[in-house]
Amino acid sequence: MNQALKELLDLLDLEQIELDIFRGRSPEEQIQRVFGGQVAAQALVAAGRTVPGDRHVHSLHAYFIRPGDPAIPIIYNVERVRDGRSFTTRRVLAIQHGKAIFTMSASFHIAEPGLEHQATTMPEVPEPEELEPFQERMREVLRDVREESPWRELLSRPRPLDARYATPLTWEALRDPSLSRSTTNVWFRYEAELPDDPLLHVVLAAYTSDFTLVDTVLLAHGQAWGTPNVFGASLDHAMWFHRPFRVDDWMLYAQESPWSGAARGLAKGEMFTRSGELAVSVVQEALIRVS
């Protein structure tokens, strides 16, 4: 298990300070705001710890209200909205400096049989073993990033997962506009044998979902984070979990941006198991301002 993954799992092990109240912290990095995927993942951990073990999260709907301050802990207040015979609903409020920075509703469901179909198919892309790891692709990109730029550390720091792009990076399309497109396909997996805890795998999928989704909006326009004229922030985020999966096995995150305008961009994503089963659906809207 690499050090970045160890640190992430430690961040997800929230401290319970009172009934339905949890405290989470952020990594010790020189960043201006907390990564949105971290807040969503920690909020889901808080909600899951108040739910019986026979119920698994099937959806979440979240709003990013204010940027998180990485210098202080985040308090997660869980409201037990409903405990029904089949479904359990939780609402989580994340607080810093006495103000809400994030809110999420999550629904949990018992396992039961039902009608099954899958209308969407996994895109045909090279196998992950045929693709370069993200860090190797970034070495070429970083040759043009000044040593003193704060983005150099952010873009080059170790990640807790192995990500392999079957499509161009936004920074590559920034150099070569002919690479611009409104779709992104990324294989990912966490390089360690993780516990057989369904909530942990769902939480890590939620964390991963925010890494590259909005990049698809920028890729359509040949723009990239890290340039002085681009500013963005997640506005809302929704996920649906369709079947059990493991994030320590390869999964393909197929993403597309159907629309952008009015300083906002919409992106949709689907996570497939390596065998082609649709496991997770994601939708996010983000604020994107380009000067």
C-alpha atoms as a PDB file:
ATOM      1  CA  MET A   1       0.000   0.000   0.000  1.00  0.00           C
ATOM      2  CA  ASN A   2       1.489   3.350  -1.023  1.00  0.00           C
ATOM      3  CA  GLN A   3       1.815   6.200   1.463  1.00  0.00           C
ATOM      4  CA  ALA A   4      -0.802   8.373  -0.272  1.00  0.00           C
ATOM      5  CA  LEU A   5      -3.419   5.622   0.096  1.00  0.00           C
ATOM      6  CA  LYS A   6      -2.490   5.061   3.752  1.00  0.00           C
ATOM      7  CA  GLU A   7      -2.991   8.776   4.404  1.00  0.00           C
ATOM      8  CA  LEU A   8      -6.340   8.781   2.579  1.00  0.00           C
ATOM      9  CA  LEU A   9      -7.662   5.823   4.583  1.00  0.00           C
ATOM     10  CA  ASP A  10      -6.565   7.629   7.740  1.00  0.00           C
ATOM     11  CA  LEU A  11      -8.492  10.757   6.655  1.00  0.00           C
ATOM     12  CA  LEU A  12     -11.597   8.632   6.124  1.00  0.00           C
ATOM     13  CA  ASP A  13     -11.400   7.191   9.651  1.00  0.00           C
ATOM     14  CA  LEU A  14     -13.451   9.982  11.215  1.00  0.00           C
ATOM     15  CA  GLU A  15     -13.376  10.784  14.903  1.00  0.00           C
ATOM     16  CA  GLN A  16     -16.771  10.437  16.588  1.00  0.00           C
ATOM     17  CA  ILE A  17     -17.129  13.257  19.102  1.00  0.00           C
ATOM     18  CA  GLU A  18     -20.807  12.810  20.009  1.00  0.00           C
ATOM     19  CA  LEU A  19     -23.816  10.790  18.877  1.00  0.00           C
ATOM     20  CA  ASP A  20     -24.198  11.511  15.122  1.00  0.00           C
ATOM     21  CA  ILE A  21     -21.392  14.116  15.192  1.00  0.00           C
ATOM     22  CA  PHE A  22     -18.035  13.374  13.579  1.00  0.00           C
ATOM     23  CA  ARG A  23     -14.812  15.263  12.990  1.00  0.00           C
ATOM     24  CA  GLY A  24     -12.619  14.964   9.903  1.00  0.00           C
ATOM     25  CA  ARG A  25      -9.337  16.556   8.966  1.00  0.00           C
ATOM     26  CA  SER A  26      -7.542  17.388   5.716  1.00  0.00           C
ATOM     27  CA  PRO A  27      -4.069  16.407   4.480  1.00  0.00           C
ATOM     28  CA  GLU A  28      -1.164  18.657   5.387  1.00  0.00           C
ATOM     29  CA  GLU A  29      -0.636  20.196   1.971  1.00  0.00           C
ATOM     30  CA  GLN A  30      -0.191  23.717   0.615  1.00  0.00           C
ATOM     31  CA  ILE A  31      -3.636  23.983  -0.947  1.00  0.00           C
ATOM     32  CA  GLN A  32      -6.159  26.806  -0.738  1.00  0.00           C
ATOM     33  CA  ARG A  33      -9.285  24.713  -0.254  1.00  0.00           C
ATOM     34  CA  VAL A  34     -10.311  21.189   0.603  1.00  0.00           C
ATOM     35  CA  PHE A  35     -10.727  18.756  -2.314  1.00  0.00           C
ATOM     36  CA  GLY A  36     -14.455  18.259  -2.915  1.00  0.00           C
ATOM     37  CA  GLY A  37     -14.147  14.492  -3.254  1.00  0.00           C
ATOM     38  CA  GLN A  38     -12.651  14.354   0.230  1.00  0.00           C
ATOM     39  CA  VAL A  39     -15.605  16.213   1.772  1.00  0.00           C
ATOM     40  CA  ALA A  40     -18.120  14.017  -0.041  1.00  0.00           C
ATOM     41  CA  ALA A  41     -16.297  10.846   1.004  1.00  0.00           C
ATOM     42  CA  GLN A  42     -16.014  11.893   4.646  1.00  0.00           C
ATOM     43  CA  ALA A  43     -19.689  12.904   4.740  1.00  0.00           C
ATOM     44  CA  LEU A  44     -20.629   9.490   3.352  1.00  0.00           C
ATOM     45  CA  VAL A  45     -18.513   7.784   6.024  1.00  0.00           C
ATOM     46  CA  ALA A  46     -20.331   9.811   8.697  1.00  0.00           C
ATOM     47  CA  ALA A  47     -23.741   8.862   7.298  1.00  0.00           C
ATOM     48  CA  GLY A  48     -22.789   5.206   6.899  1.00  0.00           C
ATOM     49  CA  ARG A  49     -21.706   4.894  10.518  1.00  0.00           C
ATOM     50  CA  THR A  50     -25.277   5.610  11.637  1.00  0.00           C
ATOM     51  CA  VAL A  51     -26.884   2.977   9.389  1.00  0.00           C
ATOM     52  CA  PRO A  52     -27.359  -0.769  10.044  1.00  0.00           C
ATOM     53  CA  GLY A  53     -24.830  -2.983   8.288  1.00  0.00           C
ATOM     54  CA  ASP A  54     -27.447  -4.754   6.132  1.00  0.00           C
ATOM     55  CA  ARG A  55     -28.241  -1.503   4.256  1.00  0.00           C
ATOM     56  CA  HIS A  56     -25.980  -0.222   1.508  1.00  0.00           C
ATOM     57  CA  VAL A  57     -25.885   3.257   0.037  1.00  0.00           C
ATOM     58  CA  HIS A  58     -27.610   3.454  -3.336  1.00  0.00           C
ATOM     59  CA  SER A  59     -27.615   7.216  -3.943  1.00  0.00           C
ATOM     60  CA  LEU A  60     -26.331  10.547  -2.708  1.00  0.00           C
ATOM     61  CA  HIS A  61     -27.141  14.127  -3.639  1.00  0.00           C
ATOM     62  CA  ALA A  62     -24.825  16.883  -2.471  1.00  0.00           C
ATOM     63  CA  TYR A  63     -24.233  20.631  -2.712  1.00  0.00           C
ATOM     64  CA  PHE A  64     -20.899  22.383  -2.269  1.00  0.00           C
ATOM     65  CA  ILE A  65     -21.793  25.615  -0.472  1.00  0.00           C
ATOM     66  CA  ARG A  66     -18.477  27.189   0.535  1.00  0.00           C
ATOM     67  CA  PRO A  67     -14.822  26.280  -0.028  1.00  0.00           C
ATOM     68  CA  GLY A  68     -13.401  24.139   2.769  1.00  0.00           C
ATOM     69  CA  ASP A  69     -10.495  25.411   4.857  1.00  0.00           C
ATOM     70  CA  PRO A  70      -7.769  22.721   4.952  1.00  0.00           C
ATOM     71  CA  ALA A  71      -6.169  24.261   8.053  1.00  0.00           C
ATOM     72  CA  ILE A  72      -8.974  23.294  10.454  1.00  0.00           C
ATOM     73  CA  PRO A  73     -11.118  20.184  11.047  1.00  0.00           C
ATOM     74  CA  ILE A  74     -14.525  19.701   9.425  1.00  0.00           C
ATOM     75  CA  ILE A  75     -17.494  18.853  11.660  1.00  0.00           C
ATOM     76  CA  TYR A  76     -20.077  16.474  10.173  1.00  0.00           C
ATOM     77  CA  ASN A  77     -23.549  16.533  11.744  1.00  0.00           C
ATOM     78  CA  VAL A  78     -25.738  13.586  10.719  1.00  0.00           C
ATOM     79  CA  GLU A  79     -29.538  13.863  10.821  1.00  0.00           C
ATOM     80  CA  ARG A  80     -31.462  10.576  10.969  1.00  0.00           C
ATOM     81  CA  VAL A  81     -34.244  11.532   8.576  1.00  0.00           C
ATOM     82  CA  ARG A  82     -35.900   8.132   8.253  1.00  0.00           C
ATOM     83  CA  ASP A  83     -35.407   4.489   9.195  1.00  0.00           C
ATOM     84  CA  GLY A  84     -37.904   2.482   7.161  1.00  0.00           C
ATOM     85  CA  ARG A  85     -38.339  -1.220   6.566  1.00  0.00           C
ATOM     86  CA  SER A  86     -36.355  -1.141   3.295  1.00  0.00           C
ATOM     87  CA  PHE A  87     -34.755   2.295   3.083  1.00  0.00           C
ATOM     88  CA  THR A  88     -32.778   4.499   5.436  1.00  0.00           C
ATOM     89  CA  THR A  89     -32.235   8.213   4.762  1.00  0.00           C
ATOM     90  CA  ARG A  90     -29.550  10.427   6.241  1.00  0.00           C
ATOM     91  CA  ARG A  91     -28.765  14.119   5.856  1.00  0.00           C
ATOM     92  CA  VAL A  92     -25.227  15.346   6.574  1.00  0.00           C
ATOM     93  CA  LEU A  93     -24.148  18.934   7.176  1.00  0.00           C
ATOM     94  CA  ALA A  94     -20.425  19.775   7.047  1.00  0.00           C
ATOM     95  CA  ILE A  95     -19.458  22.829   9.114  1.00  0.00           C
ATOM     96  CA  GLN A  96     -16.377  25.047   9.426  1.00  0.00           C
ATOM     97  CA  HIS A  97     -16.037  28.437  11.107  1.00  0.00           C
ATOM     98  CA  GLY A  98     -19.647  28.058  12.254  1.00  0.00           C
ATOM     99  CA  LYS A  99     -20.985  27.936   8.687  1.00  0.00           C
ATOM    100  CA  ALA A 100     -22.146  25.170   6.375  1.00  0.00           C
ATOM    101  CA  ILE A 101     -19.660  24.321   3.627  1.00  0.00           C
ATOM    102  CA  PHE A 102     -21.388  21.186   2.270  1.00  0.00           C
ATOM    103  CA  THR A 103     -24.671  19.331   2.580  1.00  0.00           C
ATOM    104  CA  MET A 104     -25.562  15.829   1.463  1.00  0.00           C
ATOM    105  CA  SER A 105     -28.557  13.518   1.504  1.00  0.00           C
ATOM    106  CA  ALA A 106     -27.833   9.794   1.217  1.00  0.00           C
ATOM    107  CA  SER A 107     -30.211   6.857   0.883  1.00  0.00           C
ATOM    108  CA  PHE A 108     -29.443   3.291   1.955  1.00  0.00           C
ATOM    109  CA  HIS A 109     -31.348   0.172   0.827  1.00  0.00           C
ATOM    110  CA  ILE A 110     -31.516  -3.446   1.882  1.00  0.00           C
ATOM    111  CA  ALA A 111     -30.509  -6.058  -0.710  1.00  0.00           C
ATOM    112  CA  GLU A 112     -33.535  -7.372  -2.565  1.00  0.00           C
ATOM    113  CA  PRO A 113     -34.206  -8.900  -6.022  1.00  0.00           C
ATOM    114  CA  GLY A 114     -35.809  -6.977  -8.891  1.00  0.00           C
ATOM    115  CA  LEU A 115     -35.978  -6.446 -12.653  1.00  0.00           C
ATOM    116  CA  GLU A 116     -32.537  -6.064 -14.216  1.00  0.00           C
ATOM    117  CA  HIS A 117     -31.268  -4.503 -17.445  1.00  0.00           C
ATOM    118  CA  GLN A 118     -28.296  -2.416 -18.615  1.00  0.00           C
ATOM    119  CA  ALA A 119     -28.900  -0.297 -21.706  1.00  0.00           C
ATOM    120  CA  THR A 120     -25.470   1.351 -21.740  1.00  0.00           C
ATOM    121  CA  THR A 121     -22.261  -0.416 -22.717  1.00  0.00           C
ATOM    122  CA  MET A 122     -18.693   0.204 -21.645  1.00  0.00           C
ATOM    123  CA  PRO A 123     -16.681   2.172 -24.238  1.00  0.00           C
ATOM    124  CA  GLU A 124     -14.097   0.255 -26.232  1.00  0.00           C
ATOM    125  CA  VAL A 125     -10.735   1.491 -24.971  1.00  0.00           C
ATOM    126  CA  PRO A 126      -7.259  -0.033 -24.559  1.00  0.00           C
ATOM    127  CA  GLU A 127      -6.723  -2.213 -21.512  1.00  0.00           C
ATOM    128  CA  PRO A 128      -5.163  -0.397 -18.525  1.00  0.00           C
ATOM    129  CA  GLU A 129      -1.923  -2.366 -18.838  1.00  0.00           C
ATOM    130  CA  GLU A 130      -1.481  -0.848 -22.327  1.00  0.00           C
ATOM    131  CA  LEU A 131      -1.673   2.744 -21.039  1.00  0.00           C
ATOM    132  CA  GLU A 132       0.841   4.952 -19.246  1.00  0.00           C
ATOM    133  CA  PRO A 133       0.142   5.804 -15.596  1.00  0.00           C
ATOM    134  CA  PHE A 134      -1.071   9.352 -15.001  1.00  0.00           C
ATOM    135  CA  GLN A 135       2.147  10.377 -13.275  1.00  0.00           C
ATOM    136  CA  GLU A 136       4.232   9.423 -16.308  1.00  0.00           C
ATOM    137  CA  ARG A 137       1.956  11.428 -18.608  1.00  0.00           C
ATOM    138  CA  MET A 138       2.262  14.399 -16.247  1.00  0.00           C
ATOM    139  CA  ARG A 139       6.074  14.407 -16.344  1.00  0.00           C
ATOM    140  CA  GLU A 140       5.935  15.692 -19.908  1.00  0.00           C
ATOM    141  CA  VAL A 141       3.267  18.269 -19.040  1.00  0.00           C
ATOM    142  CA  LEU A 142       5.210  19.580 -16.047  1.00  0.00           C
ATOM    143  CA  ARG A 143       8.229  20.472 -18.160  1.00  0.00           C
ATOM    144  CA  ASP A 144       6.398  23.686 -19.049  1.00  0.00           C
ATOM    145  CA  VAL A 145       5.238  24.505 -15.501  1.00  0.00           C
ATOM    146  CA  ARG A 146       7.469  26.956 -13.645  1.00  0.00           C
ATOM    147  CA  GLU A 147       9.267  25.607 -10.588  1.00  0.00           C
ATOM    148  CA  GLU A 148       7.750  28.324  -8.367  1.00  0.00           C
ATOM    149  CA  SER A 149       4.178  27.657  -9.497  1.00  0.00           C
ATOM    150  CA  PRO A 150       1.974  26.281  -6.683  1.00  0.00           C
ATOM    151  CA  TRP A 151       0.338  24.074  -9.318  1.00  0.00           C
ATOM    152  CA  ARG A 152       3.573  22.124  -9.860  1.00  0.00           C
ATOM    153  CA  GLU A 153       3.298  20.563  -6.394  1.00  0.00           C
ATOM    154  CA  LEU A 154      -0.441  20.010  -6.773  1.00  0.00           C
ATOM    155  CA  LEU A 155      -0.166  18.342 -10.175  1.00  0.00           C
ATOM    156  CA  SER A 156       2.870  16.217  -9.349  1.00  0.00           C
ATOM    157  CA  ARG A 157       2.075  15.032  -5.826  1.00  0.00           C
ATOM    158  CA  PRO A 158       1.503  11.282  -5.343  1.00  0.00           C
ATOM    159  CA  ARG A 159      -2.083  10.101  -5.699  1.00  0.00           C
ATOM    160  CA  PRO A 160      -3.635   7.286  -3.684  1.00  0.00           C
ATOM    161  CA  LEU A 161      -4.835   5.539  -6.852  1.00  0.00           C
ATOM    162  CA  ASP A 162      -3.423   4.412 -10.174  1.00  0.00           C
ATOM    163  CA  ALA A 163      -5.186   6.338 -12.978  1.00  0.00           C
ATOM    164  CA  ARG A 164      -4.603   5.634 -16.685  1.00  0.00           C
ATOM    165  CA  TYR A 165      -6.174   7.855 -19.317  1.00  0.00           C
ATOM    166  CA  ALA A 166      -7.370   6.392 -22.621  1.00  0.00           C
ATOM    167  CA  THR A 167      -8.101   9.944 -23.807  1.00  0.00           C
ATOM    168  CA  PRO A 168      -6.093  13.219 -23.785  1.00  0.00           C
ATOM    169  CA  LEU A 169      -5.350  15.117 -20.598  1.00  0.00           C
ATOM    170  CA  THR A 170      -6.677  18.665 -20.382  1.00  0.00           C
ATOM    171  CA  TRP A 171      -3.095  19.957 -20.214  1.00  0.00           C
ATOM    172  CA  GLU A 172      -2.277  18.101 -23.433  1.00  0.00           C
ATOM    173  CA  ALA A 173      -5.292  19.661 -25.176  1.00  0.00           C
ATOM    174  CA  LEU A 174      -4.198  23.063 -23.887  1.00  0.00           C
ATOM    175  CA  ARG A 175      -0.998  22.619 -25.913  1.00  0.00           C
ATOM    176  CA  ASP A 176      -2.719  21.036 -28.918  1.00  0.00           C
ATOM    177  CA  PRO A 177      -6.358  22.189 -29.441  1.00  0.00           C
ATOM    178  CA  SER A 178      -6.931  19.374 -31.944  1.00  0.00           C
ATOM    179  CA  LEU A 179      -7.051  17.014 -28.935  1.00  0.00           C
ATOM    180  CA  SER A 180     -10.122  18.782 -27.490  1.00  0.00           C
ATOM    181  CA  ARG A 181     -13.179  16.598 -27.020  1.00  0.00           C
ATOM    182  CA  SER A 182     -16.175  16.342 -24.710  1.00  0.00           C
ATOM    183  CA  THR A 183     -15.442  12.799 -23.467  1.00  0.00           C
ATOM    184  CA  THR A 184     -12.880  11.361 -21.064  1.00  0.00           C
ATOM    185  CA  ASN A 185     -12.168   7.699 -20.311  1.00  0.00           C
ATOM    186  CA  VAL A 186      -9.996   6.817 -17.324  1.00  0.00           C
ATOM    187  CA  TRP A 187      -9.126   3.438 -15.841  1.00  0.00           C
ATOM    188  CA  PHE A 188      -8.504   3.572 -12.093  1.00  0.00           C
ATOM    189  CA  ARG A 189      -7.828   1.286  -9.159  1.00  0.00           C
ATOM    190  CA  TYR A 190      -6.453   1.547  -5.631  1.00  0.00           C
ATOM    191  CA  GLU A 191      -3.190  -0.399  -5.517  1.00  0.00           C
ATOM    192  CA  ALA A 192      -3.746  -2.424  -2.364  1.00  0.00           C
ATOM    193  CA  GLU A 193      -5.966  -5.257  -1.261  1.00  0.00           C
ATOM    194  CA  LEU A 194      -8.692  -3.402   0.622  1.00  0.00           C
ATOM    195  CA  PRO A 195     -10.994  -4.835   3.319  1.00  0.00           C
ATOM    196  CA  ASP A 196     -14.270  -6.485   2.292  1.00  0.00           C
ATOM    197  CA  ASP A 197     -16.241  -3.464   3.494  1.00  0.00           C
ATOM    198  CA  PRO A 198     -18.836  -2.368   0.879  1.00  0.00           C
ATOM    199  CA  LEU A 199     -19.062   1.124   2.381  1.00  0.00           C
ATOM    200  CA  LEU A 200     -15.297   1.651   2.028  1.00  0.00           C
ATOM    201  CA  HIS A 201     -15.377   0.801  -1.682  1.00  0.00           C
ATOM    202  CA  VAL A 202     -18.363   3.119  -2.224  1.00  0.00           C
ATOM    203  CA  VAL A 203     -16.654   5.908  -0.270  1.00  0.00           C
ATOM    204  CA  LEU A 204     -13.481   5.571  -2.331  1.00  0.00           C
ATOM    205  CA  ALA A 205     -15.546   5.654  -5.533  1.00  0.00           C
ATOM    206  CA  ALA A 206     -17.126   8.890  -4.293  1.00  0.00           C
ATOM    207  CA  TYR A 207     -13.661  10.299  -3.599  1.00  0.00           C
ATOM    208  CA  THR A 208     -12.483   9.277  -7.082  1.00  0.00           C
ATOM    209  CA  SER A 209     -15.554  10.625  -8.845  1.00  0.00           C
ATOM    210  CA  ASP A 210     -14.513  14.255  -8.287  1.00  0.00           C
ATOM    211  CA  PHE A 211     -10.960  13.905  -9.619  1.00  0.00           C
ATOM    212  CA  THR A 212     -11.621  14.093 -13.361  1.00  0.00           C
ATOM    213  CA  LEU A 213     -15.312  14.716 -14.000  1.00  0.00           C
ATOM    214  CA  VAL A 214     -15.274  18.505 -14.463  1.00  0.00           C
ATOM    215  CA  ASP A 215     -12.041  18.188 -16.452  1.00  0.00           C
ATOM    216  CA  THR A 216     -14.279  16.856 -19.242  1.00  0.00           C
ATOM    217  CA  VAL A 217     -15.923  20.285 -19.526  1.00  0.00           C
ATOM    218  CA  LEU A 218     -12.526  21.971 -19.830  1.00  0.00           C
ATOM    219  CA  LEU A 219     -11.273  19.364 -22.310  1.00  0.00           C
ATOM    220  CA  ALA A 220     -14.102  20.290 -24.664  1.00  0.00           C
ATOM    221  CA  HIS A 221     -12.693  23.829 -24.856  1.00  0.00           C
ATOM    222  CA  GLY A 222      -8.950  23.165 -24.745  1.00  0.00           C
ATOM    223  CA  GLN A 223      -8.683  24.632 -21.241  1.00  0.00           C
ATOM    224  CA  ALA A 224      -7.040  23.245 -18.098  1.00  0.00           C
ATOM    225  CA  TRP A 225      -6.772  23.801 -14.376  1.00  0.00           C
ATOM    226  CA  GLY A 226      -3.535  25.430 -13.347  1.00  0.00           C
ATOM    227  CA  THR A 227      -3.705  28.214 -15.901  1.00  0.00           C
ATOM    228  CA  PRO A 228      -4.194  31.746 -14.491  1.00  0.00           C
ATOM    229  CA  ASN A 229      -7.322  32.438 -16.563  1.00  0.00           C
ATOM    230  CA  VAL A 230      -9.388  29.461 -15.371  1.00  0.00           C
ATOM    231  CA  PHE A 231     -11.319  29.386 -12.100  1.00  0.00           C
ATOM    232  CA  GLY A 232     -13.769  26.695 -11.063  1.00  0.00           C
ATOM    233  CA  ALA A 233     -15.594  25.064  -8.173  1.00  0.00           C
ATOM    234  CA  SER A 234     -17.997  22.150  -7.814  1.00  0.00           C
ATOM    235  CA  LEU A 235     -21.603  23.233  -7.269  1.00  0.00           C
ATOM    236  CA  ASP A 236     -23.497  19.978  -6.834  1.00  0.00           C
ATOM    237  CA  HIS A 237     -22.824  16.275  -7.144  1.00  0.00           C
ATOM    238  CA  ALA A 238     -25.079  13.222  -7.430  1.00  0.00           C
ATOM    239  CA  MET A 239     -24.227   9.521  -7.500  1.00  0.00           C
ATOM    240  CA  TRP A 240     -26.182   6.284  -7.865  1.00  0.00           C
ATOM    241  CA  PHE A 241     -24.634   2.949  -6.889  1.00  0.00           C
ATOM    242  CA  HIS A 242     -26.123   0.078  -8.888  1.00  0.00           C
ATOM    243  CA  ARG A 243     -24.261  -3.072  -7.852  1.00  0.00           C
ATOM    244  CA  PRO A 244     -21.416  -4.220  -5.587  1.00  0.00           C
ATOM    245  CA  PHE A 245     -17.923  -3.461  -6.871  1.00  0.00           C
ATOM    246  CA  ARG A 246     -14.333  -3.250  -5.699  1.00  0.00           C
ATOM    247  CA  VAL A 247     -12.097  -0.248  -6.296  1.00  0.00           C
ATOM    248  CA  ASP A 248      -8.971  -2.366  -5.784  1.00  0.00           C
ATOM    249  CA  ASP A 249      -9.868  -3.935  -9.160  1.00  0.00           C
ATOM    250  CA  TRP A 250      -9.670  -1.913 -12.377  1.00  0.00           C
ATOM    251  CA  MET A 251     -12.739   0.195 -13.139  1.00  0.00           C
ATOM    252  CA  LEU A 252     -13.347   2.386 -16.182  1.00  0.00           C
ATOM    253  CA  TYR A 253     -14.689   5.885 -15.505  1.00  0.00           C
ATOM    254  CA  ALA A 254     -16.389   6.993 -18.748  1.00  0.00           C
ATOM    255  CA  GLN A 255     -17.243  10.705 -18.662  1.00  0.00           C
ATOM    256  CA  GLU A 256     -18.852  13.235 -20.975  1.00  0.00           C
ATOM    257  CA  SER A 257     -19.900  16.872 -20.877  1.00  0.00           C
ATOM    258  CA  PRO A 258     -23.230  17.398 -22.677  1.00  0.00           C
ATOM    259  CA  TRP A 259     -23.398  21.158 -22.016  1.00  0.00           C
ATOM    260  CA  SER A 260     -21.630  24.250 -20.738  1.00  0.00           C
ATOM    261  CA  GLY A 261     -22.697  27.892 -20.586  1.00  0.00           C
ATOM    262  CA  ALA A 262     -23.609  30.734 -18.225  1.00  0.00           C
ATOM    263  CA  ALA A 263     -20.321  30.161 -16.354  1.00  0.00           C
ATOM    264  CA  ARG A 264     -21.383  26.584 -15.532  1.00  0.00           C
ATOM    265  CA  GLY A 265     -20.590  23.187 -16.963  1.00  0.00           C
ATOM    266  CA  LEU A 266     -22.418  19.861 -16.686  1.00  0.00           C
ATOM    267  CA  ALA A 267     -20.618  16.522 -16.691  1.00  0.00           C
ATOM    268  CA  LYS A 268     -21.876  12.940 -16.487  1.00  0.00           C
ATOM    269  CA  GLY A 269     -19.918   9.825 -15.644  1.00  0.00           C
ATOM    270  CA  GLU A 270     -20.364   6.065 -15.519  1.00  0.00           C
ATOM    271  CA  MET A 271     -18.087   3.648 -13.687  1.00  0.00           C
ATOM    272  CA  PHE A 272     -17.867   0.147 -15.148  1.00  0.00           C
ATOM    273  CA  THR A 273     -16.269  -2.962 -13.720  1.00  0.00           C
ATOM    274  CA  ARG A 274     -13.580  -4.462 -15.928  1.00  0.00           C
ATOM    275  CA  SER A 275     -16.098  -7.052 -17.136  1.00  0.00           C
ATOM    276  CA  GLY A 276     -18.371  -4.260 -18.428  1.00  0.00           C
ATOM    277  CA  GLU A 277     -21.010  -4.104 -15.694  1.00  0.00           C
ATOM    278  CA  LEU A 278     -22.329  -0.624 -14.941  1.00  0.00           C
ATOM    279  CA  ALA A 279     -21.636  -0.042 -11.247  1.00  0.00           C
ATOM    280  CA  VAL A 280     -21.987   3.710 -10.611  1.00  0.00           C
ATOM    281  CA  SER A 281     -23.600   6.710 -12.338  1.00  0.00           C
ATOM    282  CA  VAL A 282     -22.462  10.275 -11.571  1.00  0.00           C
ATOM    283  CA  VAL A 283     -23.664  13.778 -12.495  1.00  0.00           C
ATOM    284  CA  GLN A 284     -21.980  17.026 -11.475  1.00  0.00           C
ATOM    285  CA  GLU A 285     -22.394  20.702 -12.275  1.00  0.00           C
ATOM    286  CA  ALA A 286     -19.515  23.108 -11.686  1.00  0.00           C
ATOM    287  CA  LEU A 287     -18.855  26.815 -11.788  1.00  0.00           C
ATOM    288  CA  ILE A 288     -16.279  27.532 -14.502  1.00  0.00           C
ATOM    289  CA  ARG A 289     -15.066  31.065 -15.223  1.00  0.00           C
ATOM    290  CA  VAL A 290     -12.544  31.752 -17.969  1.00  0.00           C
ATOM    291  CA  SER A 291     -11.105  35.263 -18.226  1.00  0.00           C
END
